[in-house]
Amino acid sequence: MRVDDFDYELPDARIAQTPIEPRDAARLLVDRGAQAPEHRYVRDLPDLLQAGDLVVLNETRVLPARLRLRRVSGGAVEVLLLEAADTTRRRWEALVRPGGKLRVGERLLAESSRTHAIGAPIVEMGERTAAGDTFWIELVADGDPLETLAGIGEMPLPPYIHERLDDPERYQTVFAGEPSSAAAPTAGLHITSDLLARLGGAGVAVVTVELVVGLDTFQPISTDNPLDHPMHTERYRVPQATWDACQSTRARGDRVVAVGTTAVRALESAAARHELAGRTDLFIHRGFDWRVVDVLMTNFHLPRTTLLMMIDAFVGPRWRQLYATALNEQYRFLSFGDAMLLDRAAHPPAGD
């Protein structure tokens, strides 16, 4: 296996810069296995699923986790909070740019803020984490840490999005719960309250999991052999009711439909680890033993990423045909882009 196996050419013009309105007006490329894919819309989901299917959503909420700060000497520093170390939300694992010259104990100051004085200490630098590419930092500003982030932080849009997001709630799902993630579970951005109601009316149940979206969302595969790529751990939680619903759905021959790769990681981690909550570094690639997820709704992913490796594990090499079709048909890619509906049981084309 080589990293080139998960490469494709993605023109800049195909990267969506703004979210579509309404949310469920996004296009949906429907995998039909050996047959040509079908072109639909996310709003058609109740017609594409079956009564008895179970939809699983990742309910994590995105934090305003990007902090633009400065050193006492005046140099600009960007801190991206990845995950809180404990429930106080003061100690965090973070990406820091540039981080190489910062000293342990150095304090970084507010550059601009809606709630804090310019020059107020916000972050104190700690040691590098065991991973080596992130740091431990402490939020030292007065007051509740979430209020600090609300006053200073920005939505951590991916670096390939260059347009300003006027409404920060468009980078949140409508069903988001506890603030905890450094990125949105982007397939869920297409779901509306009306769509959820119509799924219920079509006999499709909806349940939730939580997976805190972390560092691997931002990083391409870093090794020539992708199996050598180090996976960072992420916190997940599968409620007992969700797990029971998944088991009963599959037992009666119906399907578990994950909305997004993060919902997949939560469910399959619970199955692989035999634990409904904890930390996971599960790496899903070719040959993976699928135990829970039958259908996947997901956005189109960057080349040379572990997310694309998951898609390859789910439907095999026909992902290339699906991506080529999407590019030819002017689908929008990545976080604010369109989606596809993949069926692991669909009969593959000859040669797959």
Protein backbone atom coordinates (compact mmCIF):
# COMPACT_ATOMS: atom_id res chain seq x y z
CA MET A 1 0.00 0.00 0.00
CA ARG A 2 1.29 3.46 -0.95
CA VAL A 3 0.08 6.94 -0.15
CA ASP A 4 -0.29 7.49 -3.91
CA ASP A 5 -3.12 4.95 -3.82
CA PHE A 6 -5.20 7.65 -2.12
CA ASP A 7 -4.30 10.59 -4.31
CA TYR A 8 -6.38 12.41 -6.90
CA GLU A 9 -6.33 15.83 -8.51
CA LEU A 10 -8.59 18.32 -6.73
CA PRO A 11 -8.88 21.67 -8.56
CA ASP A 12 -9.17 24.70 -6.29
CA ALA A 13 -12.40 25.65 -8.07
CA ARG A 14 -14.08 22.51 -6.71
CA ILE A 15 -13.40 23.39 -3.06
CA ALA A 16 -16.55 24.97 -1.61
CA GLN A 17 -15.82 28.26 0.13
CA THR A 18 -19.27 28.96 1.54
CA PRO A 19 -22.08 26.72 2.84
CA ILE A 20 -25.13 26.22 0.66
CA GLU A 21 -28.57 27.38 1.76
CA PRO A 22 -30.70 25.71 2.87
CA ARG A 23 -28.45 23.10 4.40
CA ASP A 24 -30.20 20.11 2.87
CA ALA A 25 -30.03 21.62 -0.64
CA ALA A 26 -26.53 20.12 -0.93
CA ARG A 27 -26.20 17.59 -3.73
CA LEU A 28 -25.96 13.92 -2.85
CA LEU A 29 -24.13 11.40 -5.05
CA VAL A 30 -25.80 8.04 -4.36
CA ASP A 31 -23.62 4.96 -4.72
CA ARG A 32 -25.32 2.21 -6.74
CA GLY A 33 -22.42 -0.23 -6.91
CA ALA A 34 -22.07 -1.67 -10.41
CA GLN A 35 -24.67 0.76 -11.75
CA ALA A 36 -24.04 4.43 -12.44
CA PRO A 37 -24.38 6.61 -9.33
CA GLU A 38 -27.56 8.59 -8.88
CA HIS A 39 -27.64 12.37 -8.54
CA ARG A 40 -29.94 13.49 -5.74
CA TYR A 41 -30.04 16.02 -2.89
CA VAL A 42 -29.59 15.58 0.85
CA ARG A 43 -33.25 16.57 1.29
CA ASP A 44 -34.10 13.30 -0.54
CA LEU A 45 -32.61 11.18 2.24
CA PRO A 46 -35.99 9.94 3.58
CA ASP A 47 -36.71 8.51 0.12
CA LEU A 48 -33.28 6.88 -0.17
CA LEU A 49 -33.33 5.11 3.19
CA GLN A 50 -35.67 2.34 4.30
CA ALA A 51 -38.15 2.09 7.14
CA GLY A 52 -36.28 0.40 9.97
CA ASP A 53 -32.91 2.00 9.14
CA LEU A 54 -31.09 3.77 11.96
CA VAL A 55 -29.30 7.10 11.38
CA VAL A 56 -26.41 7.94 13.71
CA LEU A 57 -25.24 11.54 14.16
CA ASN A 58 -22.16 12.95 15.90
CA GLU A 59 -23.55 15.60 18.25
CA THR A 60 -20.24 17.28 19.16
CA ARG A 61 -20.23 21.09 19.05
CA VAL A 62 -17.34 23.14 17.66
CA LEU A 63 -15.49 25.49 19.97
CA PRO A 64 -14.25 28.92 18.83
CA ALA A 65 -10.87 27.25 19.20
CA ARG A 66 -8.57 29.41 17.04
CA LEU A 67 -6.84 32.08 19.14
CA ARG A 68 -4.84 34.86 17.48
CA LEU A 69 -2.41 36.04 20.16
CA ARG A 70 0.96 37.78 20.42
CA ARG A 71 4.15 37.43 22.40
CA VAL A 72 5.33 40.15 24.78
CA SER A 73 7.95 40.92 22.13
CA GLY A 74 5.15 41.58 19.63
CA GLY A 75 5.38 38.47 17.43
CA ALA A 76 2.11 36.94 16.28
CA VAL A 77 1.19 33.45 17.48
CA GLU A 78 -1.81 31.32 16.50
CA VAL A 79 -3.07 28.72 18.96
CA LEU A 80 -5.55 26.06 17.87
CA LEU A 81 -7.08 24.25 20.84
CA LEU A 82 -7.60 20.56 20.12
CA GLU A 83 -8.94 18.99 23.29
CA ALA A 84 -9.30 19.87 26.96
CA ALA A 85 -7.25 17.77 29.38
CA ASP A 86 -9.99 17.78 32.03
CA THR A 87 -13.41 19.17 32.86
CA THR A 88 -12.04 22.53 34.06
CA ARG A 89 -11.22 23.35 30.41
CA ARG A 90 -8.11 25.27 31.44
CA ARG A 91 -5.44 22.83 30.28
CA TRP A 92 -5.50 21.94 26.58
CA GLU A 93 -3.61 20.11 23.91
CA ALA A 94 -3.01 22.63 21.14
CA LEU A 95 -1.32 23.30 17.85
CA VAL A 96 0.85 26.41 18.14
CA ARG A 97 2.26 28.29 15.14
CA PRO A 98 5.06 29.20 15.29
CA GLY A 99 5.80 27.09 18.35
CA GLY A 100 9.46 26.19 18.07
CA LYS A 101 10.88 29.26 19.84
CA LEU A 102 8.27 29.63 22.57
CA ARG A 103 9.46 28.93 26.09
CA VAL A 104 7.69 26.86 28.72
CA GLY A 105 5.95 29.34 31.00
CA GLU A 106 5.82 32.09 28.36
CA ARG A 107 2.53 33.95 28.32
CA LEU A 108 0.73 34.93 25.15
CA LEU A 109 -1.39 38.05 25.09
CA ALA A 110 -4.72 39.12 23.63
CA GLU A 111 -4.34 40.73 20.20
CA SER A 112 -8.01 41.66 20.01
CA SER A 113 -10.96 40.68 22.14
CA ARG A 114 -14.61 41.37 22.74
CA THR A 115 -14.24 40.63 26.45
CA HIS A 116 -10.60 41.12 27.49
CA ALA A 117 -8.23 44.07 27.44
CA ILE A 118 -5.70 44.16 24.62
CA GLY A 119 -2.46 42.77 26.01
CA ALA A 120 -4.16 40.72 28.72
CA PRO A 121 -2.49 37.32 29.33
CA ILE A 122 -4.57 34.55 27.76
CA VAL A 123 -2.37 31.47 27.32
CA GLU A 124 0.65 30.10 29.19
CA MET A 125 2.86 27.73 27.23
CA GLY A 126 3.63 24.26 28.55
CA GLU A 127 5.73 21.34 27.38
CA ARG A 128 5.40 19.53 24.09
CA THR A 129 3.05 16.56 24.24
CA ALA A 130 4.29 13.02 23.75
CA ALA A 131 3.11 13.24 20.13
CA GLY A 132 5.77 15.91 19.54
CA ASP A 133 3.80 18.14 17.20
CA THR A 134 1.44 19.66 19.76
CA PHE A 135 1.82 21.49 23.08
CA TRP A 136 0.14 21.59 26.46
CA ILE A 137 -1.16 25.08 27.15
CA GLU A 138 -3.03 26.68 30.06
CA LEU A 139 -5.81 29.24 29.71
CA VAL A 140 -4.83 31.85 32.30
CA ALA A 141 -7.37 34.59 31.56
CA ASP A 142 -9.76 35.47 34.37
CA GLY A 143 -13.26 34.05 34.25
CA ASP A 144 -14.85 30.95 32.78
CA PRO A 145 -12.71 29.38 30.02
CA LEU A 146 -15.66 28.99 27.65
CA GLU A 147 -16.44 32.68 28.06
CA THR A 148 -12.80 33.46 27.31
CA LEU A 149 -13.01 31.48 24.09
CA ALA A 150 -16.29 33.13 23.16
CA GLY A 151 -14.65 36.54 23.56
CA ILE A 152 -11.31 35.85 21.88
CA GLY A 153 -11.64 32.73 19.77
CA GLU A 154 -12.66 32.26 16.16
CA MET A 155 -14.32 29.32 14.45
CA PRO A 156 -11.48 27.02 13.34
CA LEU A 157 -12.34 26.83 9.67
CA PRO A 158 -10.02 24.58 7.66
CA PRO A 159 -7.09 26.34 5.94
CA TYR A 160 -8.53 25.70 2.46
CA ILE A 161 -11.54 27.93 3.23
CA HIS A 162 -10.63 31.54 2.51
CA GLU A 163 -14.04 33.21 2.60
CA ARG A 164 -15.28 34.86 5.78
CA LEU A 165 -18.08 32.99 7.55
CA ASP A 166 -20.65 35.63 8.50
CA ASP A 167 -22.73 33.29 10.68
CA PRO A 168 -20.61 31.05 12.97
CA GLU A 169 -23.62 28.79 13.49
CA ARG A 170 -23.23 27.57 9.90
CA TYR A 171 -20.15 25.68 11.10
CA GLN A 172 -22.31 23.95 13.71
CA THR A 173 -24.80 21.16 13.20
CA VAL A 174 -28.40 21.93 14.19
CA PHE A 175 -28.25 19.05 16.70
CA ALA A 176 -24.90 20.01 18.33
CA GLY A 177 -24.58 19.44 22.06
CA GLU A 178 -21.59 20.01 24.32
CA PRO A 179 -18.82 22.31 22.98
CA SER A 180 -15.72 20.16 22.62
CA SER A 181 -14.36 19.89 19.07
CA ALA A 182 -11.77 21.72 16.98
CA ALA A 183 -13.68 21.00 13.76
CA ALA A 184 -17.22 20.28 12.70
CA PRO A 185 -18.52 16.80 11.81
CA THR A 186 -19.12 18.23 8.36
CA ALA A 187 -21.50 15.66 6.90
CA GLY A 188 -23.89 16.62 9.69
CA LEU A 189 -23.89 20.24 8.52
CA HIS A 190 -26.35 19.19 5.80
CA ILE A 191 -29.00 17.97 8.24
CA THR A 192 -31.95 20.22 9.09
CA SER A 193 -34.63 19.93 11.77
CA ASP A 194 -37.22 19.42 9.04
CA LEU A 195 -35.17 16.62 7.51
CA LEU A 196 -34.91 14.89 10.89
CA ALA A 197 -38.69 15.12 11.26
CA ARG A 198 -39.23 13.66 7.80
CA LEU A 199 -36.84 10.79 8.54
CA GLY A 200 -38.92 9.97 11.60
CA GLY A 201 -42.06 10.09 9.49
CA ALA A 202 -40.48 7.61 7.07
CA GLY A 203 -39.82 5.12 9.85
CA VAL A 204 -36.11 5.91 10.17
CA ALA A 205 -34.93 6.32 13.76
CA VAL A 206 -32.19 8.81 14.69
CA VAL A 207 -29.67 8.45 17.53
CA THR A 208 -26.44 10.22 18.48
CA VAL A 209 -22.84 9.56 19.46
CA GLU A 210 -20.04 11.93 20.36
CA LEU A 211 -16.55 11.98 18.92
CA VAL A 212 -14.32 14.96 19.62
CA VAL A 213 -12.90 15.89 16.23
CA GLY A 214 -9.15 16.27 16.63
CA LEU A 215 -5.80 16.64 14.93
CA ASP A 216 -6.07 14.05 12.17
CA THR A 217 -8.79 16.18 10.59
CA PHE A 218 -6.09 18.74 9.74
CA GLN A 219 -3.23 16.47 8.71
CA PRO A 220 -2.45 14.60 5.49
CA ILE A 221 -0.79 11.20 5.61
CA SER A 222 2.78 11.85 6.68
CA THR A 223 4.53 8.67 5.53
CA ASP A 224 5.20 6.95 2.18
CA ASN A 225 3.53 3.82 3.53
CA PRO A 226 0.18 5.10 4.84
CA LEU A 227 -0.03 2.26 7.34
CA ASP A 228 2.92 3.87 9.14
CA HIS A 229 0.98 7.12 9.63
CA PRO A 230 0.65 7.89 13.38
CA MET A 231 -2.99 8.28 14.41
CA HIS A 232 -3.75 10.72 17.23
CA THR A 233 -6.29 9.61 19.79
CA GLU A 234 -9.75 11.14 20.00
CA ARG A 235 -12.35 10.95 22.75
CA TYR A 236 -15.57 9.16 21.90
CA ARG A 237 -18.82 8.24 23.64
CA VAL A 238 -21.58 5.91 22.47
CA PRO A 239 -24.65 6.06 24.74
CA GLN A 240 -25.96 2.68 25.80
CA ALA A 241 -29.30 3.44 24.10
CA THR A 242 -27.50 4.18 20.82
CA TRP A 243 -25.49 0.96 21.05
CA ASP A 244 -28.60 -1.09 21.82
CA ALA A 245 -30.41 0.50 18.87
CA CYS A 246 -27.51 -0.37 16.54
CA GLN A 247 -27.49 -3.99 17.70
CA SER A 248 -31.25 -4.46 17.36
CA THR A 249 -31.28 -2.74 13.95
CA ARG A 250 -28.69 -5.12 12.52
CA ALA A 251 -30.23 -8.15 14.24
CA ARG A 252 -33.49 -7.64 12.37
CA GLY A 253 -31.70 -7.12 9.04
CA ASP A 254 -32.01 -3.34 8.82
CA ARG A 255 -29.12 -0.92 8.33
CA VAL A 256 -27.03 1.38 10.49
CA VAL A 257 -26.46 4.63 8.59
CA ALA A 258 -23.59 6.77 9.87
CA VAL A 259 -23.64 10.47 9.02
CA GLY A 260 -19.96 11.33 8.71
CA THR A 261 -16.65 9.57 9.26
CA THR A 262 -16.58 10.69 12.90
CA ALA A 263 -19.79 8.80 13.64
CA VAL A 264 -18.16 5.80 11.97
CA ARG A 265 -15.08 6.07 14.20
CA ALA A 266 -17.18 6.28 17.35
CA LEU A 267 -19.32 3.24 16.49
CA GLU A 268 -16.54 1.04 15.15
CA SER A 269 -14.25 2.02 18.05
CA ALA A 270 -16.91 0.91 20.52
CA ALA A 271 -17.14 -2.42 18.71
CA ALA A 272 -13.39 -2.94 18.38
CA ARG A 273 -12.51 -1.85 21.92
CA HIS A 274 -15.58 -3.35 23.63
CA GLU A 275 -15.97 -0.01 25.42
CA LEU A 276 -18.75 2.51 24.88
CA ALA A 277 -16.56 5.46 25.88
CA GLY A 278 -12.88 6.27 26.00
CA ARG A 279 -10.08 7.28 23.66
CA THR A 280 -9.49 5.76 20.26
CA ASP A 281 -6.71 5.73 17.70
CA LEU A 282 -8.61 3.31 15.45
CA PHE A 283 -7.14 3.37 11.94
CA ILE A 284 -9.69 2.21 9.35
CA HIS A 285 -8.10 1.06 6.09
CA ARG A 286 -8.31 -1.75 3.55
CA GLY A 287 -9.13 -5.08 5.14
CA PHE A 288 -10.98 -3.53 8.08
CA ASP A 289 -13.50 -5.80 9.79
CA TRP A 290 -16.69 -3.75 9.70
CA ARG A 291 -18.95 -4.59 12.64
CA VAL A 292 -21.56 -1.82 12.86
CA VAL A 293 -21.89 0.60 9.92
CA ASP A 294 -23.70 -0.46 6.74
CA VAL A 295 -24.31 2.88 4.97
CA LEU A 296 -22.29 6.08 5.15
CA MET A 297 -23.24 9.63 4.24
CA THR A 298 -20.07 11.68 3.97
CA ASN A 299 -18.59 14.72 2.28
CA PHE A 300 -15.81 14.50 -0.31
CA HIS A 301 -12.39 14.41 1.34
CA LEU A 302 -8.93 15.75 0.66
CA PRO A 303 -6.52 13.46 -1.19
CA ARG A 304 -3.83 11.58 0.73
CA THR A 305 -5.76 11.52 4.01
CA THR A 306 -6.86 8.86 6.46
CA LEU A 307 -10.45 9.89 5.78
CA LEU A 308 -10.08 8.85 2.14
CA MET A 309 -8.50 5.60 3.32
CA MET A 310 -11.68 4.97 5.32
CA ILE A 311 -13.79 5.48 2.19
CA ASP A 312 -11.54 3.05 0.32
CA ALA A 313 -12.05 0.52 3.13
CA PHE A 314 -15.83 1.01 2.93
CA VAL A 315 -16.49 0.69 -0.83
CA GLY A 316 -13.17 -0.41 -2.29
CA PRO A 317 -11.50 1.15 -5.34
CA ARG A 318 -14.79 2.34 -6.82
CA TRP A 319 -14.31 5.47 -4.73
CA ARG A 320 -12.19 6.68 -7.65
CA GLN A 321 -15.10 6.35 -10.07
CA LEU A 322 -17.41 8.11 -7.64
CA TYR A 323 -14.96 10.98 -7.11
CA ALA A 324 -14.34 11.27 -10.86
CA THR A 325 -18.08 11.47 -11.45
CA ALA A 326 -18.45 14.14 -8.77
CA LEU A 327 -15.64 16.22 -10.27
CA ASN A 328 -17.05 15.90 -13.80
CA GLU A 329 -20.52 16.86 -12.58
CA GLN A 330 -19.28 19.95 -10.72
CA TYR A 331 -19.97 18.75 -7.20
CA ARG A 332 -18.59 20.93 -4.40
CA PHE A 333 -15.88 19.33 -2.28
CA LEU A 334 -14.67 19.32 1.34
CA SER A 335 -16.21 20.85 4.49
CA PHE A 336 -18.82 23.15 2.92
CA GLY A 337 -19.29 20.93 -0.11
CA ASP A 338 -21.76 18.31 -1.26
CA ALA A 339 -22.05 14.73 -0.02
CA MET A 340 -22.34 11.14 -1.13
CA LEU A 341 -24.29 8.18 0.18
CA LEU A 342 -22.22 4.98 0.19
CA ASP A 343 -23.62 1.48 0.52
CA ARG A 344 -21.10 -1.11 1.69
CA ALA A 345 -23.30 -3.95 0.43
CA ALA A 346 -23.82 -2.54 -3.08
CA HIS A 347 -22.58 -4.98 -5.71
CA PRO A 348 -19.27 -3.55 -6.99
CA PRO A 349 -18.38 -3.14 -10.66
CA ALA A 350 -16.39 -5.97 -12.25
CA GLY A 351 -12.74 -5.69 -11.30
CA ASP A 352 -13.34 -3.96 -7.96
